Amino acid sequence: MTVDIDKTTGPADTPPAGPEAIKAIPVRHYGRYVSAVVALALLGGIIYAFAQGRINWDAIPDYFFDDRVLQGVGRTLLITILSMAIGIVGGIVLAVMRLSKNPVTSWIAWFYIWFFRGTPVLVQLVVWFNLGLVFEYINLGPFYKDEWSDFMTPFLTALLGLGLNEAAYMAEICRAGLLSVDEGQTEAAHALGMSHSRTLRRIVIPQAMRVIVPPTGNEVINMLKTTSLVSVVQYSELFRVAQDIGQTSGAPAEMLFLAAAWYLLLTSVFSVGQFYLERYYARGSSRQLPPTPWQKVKANMLSLGRPKGGMA
């Protein structure tokens, strides 16, 4: 049997012509351009309004590193750190009490949290300062005895008012962190013969820190700003010092801007510390840690140096 071969056709191994390559055209988001222009216009208008206002901006750098201002910054940092220490320790104790199977300790912790979270910090500060109407003397037996007005100094008022109030909020944060750890971890630790307190220290709390650290960092930053309230009890922190300098120098508004600049500077430093602390405790839960700000900048610089559509 013979087969006729059409000699007019091309070679059999010639591949057929493929489909035409698709030319992708990116979608233009005109709304983003409009919103960006509007936002920049509003920002420019605000900057122009402040530049044209009757504010002596030269007074801010003149007093920025004044000795009184630096002392106020130091007192603000001191009261922030000590109050947060009281709040963290008290919060851990209250969280353990709240989760306890003992109804008495659980109820006491609940009442403490309910009371301090339900009343404003400013009211608590003023109450602590005026408790001399109830307790005329503070009597600790042979160790200490004095009038309440001499015992409750502005520093102690600020420390107790902020620290005890913060303990109520930290108790809820710590409780959420402890509840985030699977109960099987506790049961396994008890099966190995570990006591309840040692299980908390070695097993539960280290794992709960991943949940506790982020909101605690926010509480530290909030505490730094809340210290401005202690000026009502005559404690000379940053805000009160700025007010005093503003009254004597004739630049009250300028000193408020100075205080705001210092608060922004301090909160920025605390935010950086919070980032690295969160990154430290994320080691056990994330396969790849989030990049640091310097690593992000370095990656962006390398991406700019690469040729378009190719490898560096």
Foldseek 3Di string as FASTA:
>chain_A
DDDDDDPVDDDPPDDDDDDDDDDDDDDDDVVVVVVVVVVVVVVVVVVVVVVPDPADLVVLVVCLPPPLLVVQAVLLVVLLVLLLVLQQVLLLVLLCQCPDPPVVSVVVSVVLLCVLVVDDLLVQLVCQQPCCVVVQWDDPDPPDIDGSNVVCALSNSSSCSRNSSSNSVSNVQLNVLQVVDDVVQVVVCVVVVDDPVVCCVPPRVLNSCLSNLPVSLVVSLVSSVVSLSSVVSVDRHNNVSLCVCCVVVVRNVSSVVSSVVSSVVVNVVSVLVSLVVSQVSCVVPDPDGDDDPVVVVVVVVVVVPADPPDGD
